[in-house]
Amino acid sequence: MFEVAIIGSGPAGVSAALTLKSLDKNFIWLSGSAVSQKVARAELIKNYPGLPDVTGGELAWTFKNHCEGMGIKVTERLVTGVYETDGYFTLLAQDEQYEAKTIILCTGVQTVKPIVGEEEFLGRGVSYCATCDGFLYKGKTIAVLCTDKKYEHEIEFLAELSEKTYVMPMYKGYEIKSDKAEIILKSPVKFTGGMRLEKVCFKDGELLVDGVFVLRGSVSPSTLVHGLKVENGHVAVNRSCETNIAGIFAAGDCTGRPYQYVKAAGEGNVAEHSAVGYLAAMK
């Protein structure tokens, strides 16, 4: 079991990981991407101390180089659920499970709102993990909403399992290699059903399905952690970066404005120290 699990590879996650490593803590760092794409794509950053007029790509490289120099690596797995289990937490990350005594959420701010019905039908027809839940839909009709080309292999996996697969790619240049996948160039506006999800609704029609897989680069904190307090779309924390759930801390953009890399890095350090203090109190 790990002492700490960090979720997210942005400045807050980098900061927390570097200090945990310097304190020789046993931790795992999980993210769908080893490098924060928000950082990497930034045009120019003028207010990061010690790095004047740095591009996002340069800052991302600096983060990566610093971490690798200390022997720190990101485990590239998208976390789709965090569950409290008798004094510790279980993290579901695609087809793997991890256990940790504390969690630091550094998931960033969600730029895309959940589709109406998405959270309501989670676990009842909506899934974020193809390899975890794909077998439940063998021989059935499913829809897949995908926001990134890197998940196309998961679409192909699902297409081979299901009887019918509707794919809604939310990006250009898709190359899905499956004769069983039908491309739908529409954006869903709502998921509906009864006890389970039954329909994907568009502005001009609907699809009857047994399930929907939503393949995004991240999952919102409130969806990740049941019962997590959220205010105005952000994780509610105090000055120690503590959430309303003992043992779970949050840092960076997910805790609210200002959305600044330097603020995120500072909060990552605060959250790490709070997690270490929490661990000490457990002994």
C-alpha atoms as a PDB file:
ATOM      1  CA  MET A   1       0.000   0.000   0.000  1.00  0.00           C
ATOM      2  CA  PHE A   2       1.240   3.479  -0.885  1.00  0.00           C
ATOM      3  CA  GLU A   3       1.362   6.259   1.664  1.00  0.00           C
ATOM      4  CA  VAL A   4       0.190   8.818  -0.897  1.00  0.00           C
ATOM      5  CA  ALA A   5      -1.408   8.706  -4.342  1.00  0.00           C
ATOM      6  CA  ILE A   6      -1.160  11.833  -6.499  1.00  0.00           C
ATOM      7  CA  ILE A   7      -3.718  12.187  -9.297  1.00  0.00           C
ATOM      8  CA  GLY A   8      -2.749  14.616 -12.062  1.00  0.00           C
ATOM      9  CA  SER A   9       0.500  15.623 -13.790  1.00  0.00           C
ATOM     10  CA  GLY A  10       0.259  19.429 -13.793  1.00  0.00           C
ATOM     11  CA  PRO A  11       2.339  21.834 -11.659  1.00  0.00           C
ATOM     12  CA  ALA A  12       0.507  20.873  -8.437  1.00  0.00           C
ATOM     13  CA  GLY A  13       1.217  17.182  -9.013  1.00  0.00           C
ATOM     14  CA  VAL A  14       4.845  17.894  -9.938  1.00  0.00           C
ATOM     15  CA  SER A  15       5.349  19.964  -6.785  1.00  0.00           C
ATOM     16  CA  ALA A  16       3.788  17.329  -4.522  1.00  0.00           C
ATOM     17  CA  ALA A  17       5.810  14.518  -6.127  1.00  0.00           C
ATOM     18  CA  LEU A  18       9.145  16.328  -5.807  1.00  0.00           C
ATOM     19  CA  THR A  19       8.691  17.001  -2.096  1.00  0.00           C
ATOM     20  CA  LEU A  20       7.364  13.510  -1.336  1.00  0.00           C
ATOM     21  CA  LYS A  21      10.444  12.090  -3.044  1.00  0.00           C
ATOM     22  CA  SER A  22      12.765  14.340  -1.048  1.00  0.00           C
ATOM     23  CA  LEU A  23      11.071  13.074   2.139  1.00  0.00           C
ATOM     24  CA  ASP A  24      11.526   9.469   0.971  1.00  0.00           C
ATOM     25  CA  LYS A  25       7.794   8.741   1.071  1.00  0.00           C
ATOM     26  CA  ASN A  26       6.249   5.732  -0.618  1.00  0.00           C
ATOM     27  CA  PHE A  27       3.901   7.206  -3.234  1.00  0.00           C
ATOM     28  CA  ILE A  28       2.419   6.629  -6.673  1.00  0.00           C
ATOM     29  CA  TRP A  29       1.773   9.367  -9.220  1.00  0.00           C
ATOM     30  CA  LEU A  30      -1.097   8.630 -11.600  1.00  0.00           C
ATOM     31  CA  SER A  31      -2.260  10.538 -14.668  1.00  0.00           C
ATOM     32  CA  GLY A  32      -3.704   9.859 -18.083  1.00  0.00           C
ATOM     33  CA  SER A  33      -0.698  11.713 -19.533  1.00  0.00           C
ATOM     34  CA  ALA A  34       2.892  11.951 -18.261  1.00  0.00           C
ATOM     35  CA  VAL A  35       2.988  15.649 -19.168  1.00  0.00           C
ATOM     36  CA  SER A  36       0.185  18.140 -18.565  1.00  0.00           C
ATOM     37  CA  GLN A  37      -1.148  19.058 -22.011  1.00  0.00           C
ATOM     38  CA  LYS A  38      -2.455  22.353 -20.637  1.00  0.00           C
ATOM     39  CA  VAL A  39       1.088  23.315 -19.640  1.00  0.00           C
ATOM     40  CA  ALA A  40       2.713  21.958 -22.812  1.00  0.00           C
ATOM     41  CA  ARG A  41       0.386  23.941 -25.073  1.00  0.00           C
ATOM     42  CA  ALA A  42       0.707  27.284 -23.269  1.00  0.00           C
ATOM     43  CA  GLU A  43       2.085  29.961 -25.574  1.00  0.00           C
ATOM     44  CA  LEU A  44       4.124  32.020 -23.098  1.00  0.00           C
ATOM     45  CA  ILE A  45       4.395  32.197 -19.309  1.00  0.00           C
ATOM     46  CA  LYS A  46       5.839  35.394 -17.848  1.00  0.00           C
ATOM     47  CA  ASN A  47       5.360  35.002 -14.091  1.00  0.00           C
ATOM     48  CA  TYR A  48       6.915  31.636 -13.168  1.00  0.00           C
ATOM     49  CA  PRO A  49       9.760  32.437 -10.712  1.00  0.00           C
ATOM     50  CA  GLY A  50      13.216  31.801 -12.140  1.00  0.00           C
ATOM     51  CA  LEU A  51      11.929  31.050 -15.634  1.00  0.00           C
ATOM     52  CA  PRO A  52      11.092  34.366 -17.342  1.00  0.00           C
ATOM     53  CA  ASP A  53       9.288  34.280 -20.704  1.00  0.00           C
ATOM     54  CA  VAL A  54       9.193  30.494 -20.828  1.00  0.00           C
ATOM     55  CA  THR A  55       6.966  28.655 -23.310  1.00  0.00           C
ATOM     56  CA  GLY A  56       4.627  25.936 -22.146  1.00  0.00           C
ATOM     57  CA  GLY A  57       6.700  23.328 -23.938  1.00  0.00           C
ATOM     58  CA  GLU A  58       9.852  24.520 -22.206  1.00  0.00           C
ATOM     59  CA  LEU A  59       8.184  24.530 -18.786  1.00  0.00           C
ATOM     60  CA  ALA A  60       6.774  21.037 -19.340  1.00  0.00           C
ATOM     61  CA  TRP A  61      10.256  19.808 -20.358  1.00  0.00           C
ATOM     62  CA  THR A  62      11.757  21.426 -17.237  1.00  0.00           C
ATOM     63  CA  PHE A  63       9.189  19.677 -15.019  1.00  0.00           C
ATOM     64  CA  LYS A  64       9.823  16.339 -16.722  1.00  0.00           C
ATOM     65  CA  ASN A  65      13.610  16.705 -16.559  1.00  0.00           C
ATOM     66  CA  HIS A  66      13.509  17.651 -12.858  1.00  0.00           C
ATOM     67  CA  CYS A  67      11.337  14.664 -11.975  1.00  0.00           C
ATOM     68  CA  GLU A  68      13.361  12.186 -14.012  1.00  0.00           C
ATOM     69  CA  GLY A  69      16.553  13.522 -12.403  1.00  0.00           C
ATOM     70  CA  MET A  70      15.112  12.544  -9.014  1.00  0.00           C
ATOM     71  CA  GLY A  71      13.936   9.153 -10.257  1.00  0.00           C
ATOM     72  CA  ILE A  72      10.255  10.072 -10.338  1.00  0.00           C
ATOM     73  CA  LYS A  73       7.957   8.780 -13.066  1.00  0.00           C
ATOM     74  CA  VAL A  74       4.261   9.156 -13.772  1.00  0.00           C
ATOM     75  CA  THR A  75       2.244   5.953 -14.012  1.00  0.00           C
ATOM     76  CA  GLU A  76       0.213   6.697 -17.143  1.00  0.00           C
ATOM     77  CA  ARG A  77      -3.193   5.392 -16.163  1.00  0.00           C
ATOM     78  CA  LEU A  78      -6.435   7.340 -16.044  1.00  0.00           C
ATOM     79  CA  VAL A  79      -8.020   7.127 -12.594  1.00  0.00           C
ATOM     80  CA  THR A  80     -11.766   6.572 -12.929  1.00  0.00           C
ATOM     81  CA  GLY A  81     -12.771   6.048  -9.312  1.00  0.00           C
ATOM     82  CA  VAL A  82     -11.598   6.526  -5.719  1.00  0.00           C
ATOM     83  CA  TYR A  83     -13.281   4.573  -2.928  1.00  0.00           C
ATOM     84  CA  GLU A  84     -12.758   4.750   0.833  1.00  0.00           C
ATOM     85  CA  THR A  85     -12.165   1.321   2.346  1.00  0.00           C
ATOM     86  CA  ASP A  86     -11.680   0.912   6.109  1.00  0.00           C
ATOM     87  CA  GLY A  87      -9.072   3.598   6.696  1.00  0.00           C
ATOM     88  CA  TYR A  88      -7.492   3.706   3.247  1.00  0.00           C
ATOM     89  CA  PHE A  89      -8.456   4.380  -0.359  1.00  0.00           C
ATOM     90  CA  THR A  90      -8.760   2.126  -3.395  1.00  0.00           C
ATOM     91  CA  LEU A  91      -8.104   3.748  -6.772  1.00  0.00           C
ATOM     92  CA  LEU A  92      -9.441   2.264  -9.997  1.00  0.00           C
ATOM     93  CA  ALA A  93      -7.150   3.096 -12.910  1.00  0.00           C
ATOM     94  CA  GLN A  94      -8.259   1.422 -16.135  1.00  0.00           C
ATOM     95  CA  ASP A  95      -7.624  -2.308 -15.545  1.00  0.00           C
ATOM     96  CA  GLU A  96      -5.530  -1.832 -12.381  1.00  0.00           C
ATOM     97  CA  GLN A  97      -6.281  -1.125  -8.727  1.00  0.00           C
ATOM     98  CA  TYR A  98      -4.052   0.703  -6.266  1.00  0.00           C
ATOM     99  CA  GLU A  99      -4.299   1.292  -2.534  1.00  0.00           C
ATOM    100  CA  ALA A 100      -3.147   4.413  -0.679  1.00  0.00           C
ATOM    101  CA  LYS A 101      -3.556   5.894   2.780  1.00  0.00           C
ATOM    102  CA  THR A 102      -3.989   9.433   1.419  1.00  0.00           C
ATOM    103  CA  ILE A 103      -4.925  11.083  -1.883  1.00  0.00           C
ATOM    104  CA  ILE A 104      -3.812  14.393  -3.413  1.00  0.00           C
ATOM    105  CA  LEU A 105      -6.150  15.529  -6.190  1.00  0.00           C
ATOM    106  CA  CYS A 106      -4.325  17.644  -8.794  1.00  0.00           C
ATOM    107  CA  THR A 107      -6.766  17.024 -11.616  1.00  0.00           C
ATOM    108  CA  GLY A 108      -6.940  20.562 -13.004  1.00  0.00           C
ATOM    109  CA  VAL A 109     -10.080  22.398 -13.947  1.00  0.00           C
ATOM    110  CA  GLN A 110     -12.633  20.658 -16.140  1.00  0.00           C
ATOM    111  CA  THR A 111     -13.160  22.645 -19.338  1.00  0.00           C
ATOM    112  CA  VAL A 112     -15.930  20.360 -20.563  1.00  0.00           C
ATOM    113  CA  LYS A 113     -19.110  20.017 -18.535  1.00  0.00           C
ATOM    114  CA  PRO A 114     -20.544  16.508 -18.081  1.00  0.00           C
ATOM    115  CA  ILE A 115     -23.328  15.636 -20.477  1.00  0.00           C
ATOM    116  CA  VAL A 116     -26.786  15.779 -18.916  1.00  0.00           C
ATOM    117  CA  GLY A 117     -27.398  12.338 -17.421  1.00  0.00           C
ATOM    118  CA  GLU A 118     -23.719  11.334 -17.486  1.00  0.00           C
ATOM    119  CA  GLU A 119     -23.194  11.398 -13.724  1.00  0.00           C
ATOM    120  CA  GLU A 120     -26.722  10.122 -13.034  1.00  0.00           C
ATOM    121  CA  PHE A 121     -26.173   6.937 -15.053  1.00  0.00           C
ATOM    122  CA  LEU A 122     -22.549   6.315 -14.029  1.00  0.00           C
ATOM    123  CA  GLY A 123     -22.400   2.619 -13.152  1.00  0.00           C
ATOM    124  CA  ARG A 124     -25.835   2.125 -14.699  1.00  0.00           C
ATOM    125  CA  GLY A 125     -24.901   2.277 -18.361  1.00  0.00           C
ATOM    126  CA  VAL A 126     -22.210   4.958 -18.367  1.00  0.00           C
ATOM    127  CA  SER A 127     -18.563   3.919 -17.976  1.00  0.00           C
ATOM    128  CA  TYR A 128     -15.199   5.652 -18.206  1.00  0.00           C
ATOM    129  CA  CYS A 129     -13.130   2.465 -18.594  1.00  0.00           C
ATOM    130  CA  ALA A 130     -13.230   0.257 -21.688  1.00  0.00           C
ATOM    131  CA  THR A 131     -11.005  -2.507 -20.338  1.00  0.00           C
ATOM    132  CA  CYS A 132     -12.794  -2.584 -16.960  1.00  0.00           C
ATOM    133  CA  ASP A 133     -16.389  -2.749 -18.179  1.00  0.00           C
ATOM    134  CA  GLY A 134     -16.222  -3.712 -21.844  1.00  0.00           C
ATOM    135  CA  PHE A 135     -17.017  -7.376 -21.172  1.00  0.00           C
ATOM    136  CA  LEU A 136     -20.369  -6.331 -19.657  1.00  0.00           C
ATOM    137  CA  TYR A 137     -21.507  -5.274 -23.133  1.00  0.00           C
ATOM    138  CA  LYS A 138     -20.419  -8.294 -25.145  1.00  0.00           C
ATOM    139  CA  GLY A 139     -22.909  -8.760 -27.972  1.00  0.00           C
ATOM    140  CA  LYS A 140     -24.779  -5.565 -27.078  1.00  0.00           C
ATOM    141  CA  THR A 141     -25.211  -2.112 -28.618  1.00  0.00           C
ATOM    142  CA  ILE A 142     -23.025   0.661 -27.257  1.00  0.00           C
ATOM    143  CA  ALA A 143     -21.986   4.228 -28.003  1.00  0.00           C
ATOM    144  CA  VAL A 144     -18.514   5.655 -27.418  1.00  0.00           C
ATOM    145  CA  LEU A 145     -17.819   9.345 -26.888  1.00  0.00           C
ATOM    146  CA  CYS A 146     -14.092   9.940 -27.386  1.00  0.00           C
ATOM    147  CA  THR A 147     -12.189  13.212 -27.012  1.00  0.00           C
ATOM    148  CA  ASP A 148      -8.666  12.100 -27.903  1.00  0.00           C
ATOM    149  CA  LYS A 149      -7.087  10.043 -30.674  1.00  0.00           C
ATOM    150  CA  LYS A 150      -4.920   8.141 -28.176  1.00  0.00           C
ATOM    151  CA  TYR A 151      -7.991   6.195 -27.016  1.00  0.00           C
ATOM    152  CA  GLU A 152      -8.801   4.764 -30.450  1.00  0.00           C
ATOM    153  CA  HIS A 153      -7.356   1.368 -29.506  1.00  0.00           C
ATOM    154  CA  GLU A 154      -9.955   1.207 -26.728  1.00  0.00           C
ATOM    155  CA  ILE A 155     -12.711   1.958 -29.239  1.00  0.00           C
ATOM    156  CA  GLU A 156     -11.458  -0.882 -31.437  1.00  0.00           C
ATOM    157  CA  PHE A 157     -11.407  -3.195 -28.413  1.00  0.00           C
ATOM    158  CA  LEU A 158     -15.022  -2.318 -27.590  1.00  0.00           C
ATOM    159  CA  ALA A 159     -16.119  -2.691 -31.217  1.00  0.00           C
ATOM    160  CA  GLU A 160     -14.851  -6.265 -31.295  1.00  0.00           C
ATOM    161  CA  LEU A 161     -16.795  -7.131 -28.146  1.00  0.00           C
ATOM    162  CA  SER A 162     -20.102  -5.488 -28.964  1.00  0.00           C
ATOM    163  CA  GLU A 163     -22.755  -6.285 -31.552  1.00  0.00           C
ATOM    164  CA  LYS A 164     -22.965  -2.635 -32.633  1.00  0.00           C
ATOM    165  CA  THR A 165     -20.760   0.330 -31.764  1.00  0.00           C
ATOM    166  CA  TYR A 166     -21.602   3.959 -32.485  1.00  0.00           C
ATOM    167  CA  VAL A 167     -18.547   6.207 -32.207  1.00  0.00           C
ATOM    168  CA  MET A 168     -18.742   9.956 -31.592  1.00  0.00           C
ATOM    169  CA  PRO A 169     -15.214  11.355 -32.075  1.00  0.00           C
ATOM    170  CA  MET A 170     -14.876  14.865 -30.623  1.00  0.00           C
ATOM    171  CA  TYR A 171     -11.647  15.580 -32.542  1.00  0.00           C
ATOM    172  CA  LYS A 172     -10.383  15.776 -36.113  1.00  0.00           C
ATOM    173  CA  GLY A 173      -8.307  13.190 -37.961  1.00  0.00           C
ATOM    174  CA  TYR A 174      -9.824  10.075 -36.400  1.00  0.00           C
ATOM    175  CA  GLU A 175      -8.513   6.724 -37.713  1.00  0.00           C
ATOM    176  CA  ILE A 176     -10.609   4.018 -36.123  1.00  0.00           C
ATOM    177  CA  LYS A 177      -9.699   0.658 -37.649  1.00  0.00           C
ATOM    178  CA  SER A 178     -12.847  -1.398 -37.213  1.00  0.00           C
ATOM    179  CA  ASP A 179     -15.554  -2.375 -39.679  1.00  0.00           C
ATOM    180  CA  LYS A 180     -17.944  -2.767 -36.739  1.00  0.00           C
ATOM    181  CA  ALA A 181     -17.724   0.877 -35.674  1.00  0.00           C
ATOM    182  CA  GLU A 182     -20.185   3.392 -37.125  1.00  0.00           C
ATOM    183  CA  ILE A 183     -19.054   7.021 -36.952  1.00  0.00           C
ATOM    184  CA  ILE A 184     -21.649   9.545 -35.734  1.00  0.00           C
ATOM    185  CA  LEU A 185     -20.553  13.123 -36.361  1.00  0.00           C
ATOM    186  CA  LYS A 186     -22.845  14.663 -33.776  1.00  0.00           C
ATOM    187  CA  SER A 187     -22.455  15.817 -30.195  1.00  0.00           C
ATOM    188  CA  PRO A 188     -24.807  14.232 -27.650  1.00  0.00           C
ATOM    189  CA  VAL A 189     -26.814  16.617 -25.503  1.00  0.00           C
ATOM    190  CA  LYS A 190     -28.338  14.158 -23.042  1.00  0.00           C
ATOM    191  CA  PHE A 191     -28.316  10.571 -21.777  1.00  0.00           C
ATOM    192  CA  THR A 192     -31.710   9.242 -20.717  1.00  0.00           C
ATOM    193  CA  GLY A 193     -33.274   6.048 -19.408  1.00  0.00           C
ATOM    194  CA  GLY A 194     -35.042   4.432 -16.485  1.00  0.00           C
ATOM    195  CA  MET A 195     -33.163   2.264 -13.997  1.00  0.00           C
ATOM    196  CA  ARG A 196     -30.382   2.082 -16.607  1.00  0.00           C
ATOM    197  CA  LEU A 197     -29.304   4.256 -19.507  1.00  0.00           C
ATOM    198  CA  GLU A 198     -31.320   3.599 -22.659  1.00  0.00           C
ATOM    199  CA  LYS A 199     -30.800   6.495 -25.074  1.00  0.00           C
ATOM    200  CA  VAL A 200     -28.185   8.901 -26.380  1.00  0.00           C
ATOM    201  CA  CYS A 201     -30.035  12.053 -27.407  1.00  0.00           C
ATOM    202  CA  PHE A 202     -28.952  14.623 -30.010  1.00  0.00           C
ATOM    203  CA  LYS A 203     -30.627  17.862 -31.051  1.00  0.00           C
ATOM    204  CA  ASP A 204     -32.093  16.074 -34.069  1.00  0.00           C
ATOM    205  CA  GLY A 205     -32.529  12.478 -32.997  1.00  0.00           C
ATOM    206  CA  GLU A 206     -31.528   9.689 -30.649  1.00  0.00           C
ATOM    207  CA  LEU A 207     -29.788   6.309 -30.454  1.00  0.00           C
ATOM    208  CA  LEU A 208     -31.051   3.282 -28.528  1.00  0.00           C
ATOM    209  CA  VAL A 209     -28.103   1.755 -26.672  1.00  0.00           C
ATOM    210  CA  ASP A 210     -27.289  -0.588 -23.807  1.00  0.00           C
ATOM    211  CA  GLY A 211     -24.366   1.503 -22.620  1.00  0.00           C
ATOM    212  CA  VAL A 212     -22.103   4.478 -23.258  1.00  0.00           C
ATOM    213  CA  PHE A 213     -18.345   4.720 -22.797  1.00  0.00           C
ATOM    214  CA  VAL A 214     -17.006   8.232 -22.224  1.00  0.00           C
ATOM    215  CA  LEU A 215     -13.296   8.289 -23.033  1.00  0.00           C
ATOM    216  CA  ARG A 216     -11.766  11.570 -21.864  1.00  0.00           C
ATOM    217  CA  GLY A 217      -8.320  12.544 -20.639  1.00  0.00           C
ATOM    218  CA  SER A 218      -9.568  13.163 -17.113  1.00  0.00           C
ATOM    219  CA  VAL A 219     -12.536  12.610 -14.835  1.00  0.00           C
ATOM    220  CA  SER A 220     -13.969  15.407 -12.692  1.00  0.00           C
ATOM    221  CA  PRO A 221     -13.115  15.183  -8.958  1.00  0.00           C
ATOM    222  CA  SER A 222     -16.770  15.022  -7.918  1.00  0.00           C
ATOM    223  CA  THR A 223     -17.224  12.000 -10.181  1.00  0.00           C
ATOM    224  CA  LEU A 224     -13.986  10.410  -8.980  1.00  0.00           C
ATOM    225  CA  VAL A 225     -14.800  10.674  -5.286  1.00  0.00           C
ATOM    226  CA  HIS A 226     -18.354  10.136  -4.033  1.00  0.00           C
ATOM    227  CA  GLY A 227     -19.325  12.701  -1.418  1.00  0.00           C
ATOM    228  CA  LEU A 228     -16.540  15.168  -2.216  1.00  0.00           C
ATOM    229  CA  LYS A 229     -17.685  18.723  -1.500  1.00  0.00           C
ATOM    230  CA  VAL A 230     -17.646  20.956  -4.569  1.00  0.00           C
ATOM    231  CA  GLU A 231     -18.451  24.670  -4.656  1.00  0.00           C
ATOM    232  CA  ASN A 232     -19.017  26.537  -7.931  1.00  0.00           C
ATOM    233  CA  GLY A 233     -17.398  23.741  -9.882  1.00  0.00           C
ATOM    234  CA  HIS A 234     -14.255  23.548  -7.721  1.00  0.00           C
ATOM    235  CA  VAL A 235     -13.151  21.229  -4.926  1.00  0.00           C
ATOM    236  CA  ALA A 236     -13.764  22.952  -1.589  1.00  0.00           C
ATOM    237  CA  VAL A 237     -10.572  23.124   0.503  1.00  0.00           C
ATOM    238  CA  ASN A 238      -9.207  25.075   3.465  1.00  0.00           C
ATOM    239  CA  ARG A 239      -5.789  26.753   3.600  1.00  0.00           C
ATOM    240  CA  SER A 240      -4.192  23.379   4.331  1.00  0.00           C
ATOM    241  CA  CYS A 241      -5.687  22.004   1.096  1.00  0.00           C
ATOM    242  CA  GLU A 242      -7.855  19.606   3.106  1.00  0.00           C
ATOM    243  CA  THR A 243     -11.166  18.531   1.560  1.00  0.00           C
ATOM    244  CA  ASN A 244     -14.283  17.494   3.478  1.00  0.00           C
ATOM    245  CA  ILE A 245     -13.063  13.864   3.362  1.00  0.00           C
ATOM    246  CA  ALA A 246     -10.322  12.973   5.836  1.00  0.00           C
ATOM    247  CA  GLY A 247      -7.181  11.827   4.013  1.00  0.00           C
ATOM    248  CA  ILE A 248      -8.066  13.489   0.704  1.00  0.00           C
ATOM    249  CA  PHE A 249      -6.355  16.736  -0.231  1.00  0.00           C
ATOM    250  CA  ALA A 250      -6.630  18.885  -3.357  1.00  0.00           C
ATOM    251  CA  ALA A 251      -4.355  21.401  -5.072  1.00  0.00           C
ATOM    252  CA  GLY A 252      -4.082  23.495  -8.219  1.00  0.00           C
ATOM    253  CA  ASP A 253      -6.747  24.622 -10.653  1.00  0.00           C
ATOM    254  CA  CYS A 254      -9.272  22.093  -9.341  1.00  0.00           C
ATOM    255  CA  THR A 255      -9.533  24.161  -6.131  1.00  0.00           C
ATOM    256  CA  GLY A 256     -10.446  27.378  -7.947  1.00  0.00           C
ATOM    257  CA  ARG A 257      -9.076  30.625  -9.317  1.00  0.00           C
ATOM    258  CA  PRO A 258      -6.651  32.115 -10.053  1.00  0.00           C
ATOM    259  CA  TYR A 259      -5.677  29.505 -12.658  1.00  0.00           C
ATOM    260  CA  GLN A 260      -1.954  30.146 -12.369  1.00  0.00           C
ATOM    261  CA  TYR A 261       0.887  27.622 -12.599  1.00  0.00           C
ATOM    262  CA  VAL A 262       2.752  29.218  -9.702  1.00  0.00           C
ATOM    263  CA  LYS A 263      -0.363  29.054  -7.494  1.00  0.00           C
ATOM    264  CA  ALA A 264      -0.832  25.396  -8.419  1.00  0.00           C
ATOM    265  CA  ALA A 265       2.776  24.531  -7.570  1.00  0.00           C
ATOM    266  CA  GLY A 266       2.462  26.253  -4.209  1.00  0.00           C
ATOM    267  CA  GLU A 267      -0.733  24.404  -3.347  1.00  0.00           C
ATOM    268  CA  GLY A 268       0.847  21.106  -4.391  1.00  0.00           C
ATOM    269  CA  ASN A 269       3.513  21.693  -1.749  1.00  0.00           C
ATOM    270  CA  VAL A 270       0.913  22.624   0.881  1.00  0.00           C
ATOM    271  CA  ALA A 271      -1.211  19.555   0.090  1.00  0.00           C
ATOM    272  CA  GLU A 272       1.841  17.289   0.302  1.00  0.00           C
ATOM    273  CA  HIS A 273       2.814  18.649   3.741  1.00  0.00           C
ATOM    274  CA  SER A 274      -0.766  18.241   4.936  1.00  0.00           C
ATOM    275  CA  ALA A 275      -0.825  14.642   3.708  1.00  0.00           C
ATOM    276  CA  VAL A 276       2.466  13.909   5.478  1.00  0.00           C
ATOM    277  CA  GLY A 277       1.081  15.448   8.677  1.00  0.00           C
ATOM    278  CA  TYR A 278      -2.043  13.318   8.342  1.00  0.00           C
ATOM    279  CA  LEU A 279       0.076  10.181   7.947  1.00  0.00           C
ATOM    280  CA  ALA A 280       2.092  11.072  11.043  1.00  0.00           C
ATOM    281  CA  ALA A 281      -1.097  11.477  13.070  1.00  0.00           C
ATOM    282  CA  MET A 282      -2.270   8.016  11.957  1.00  0.00           C
ATOM    283  CA  LYS A 283       0.690   6.287  13.609  1.00  0.00           C
END
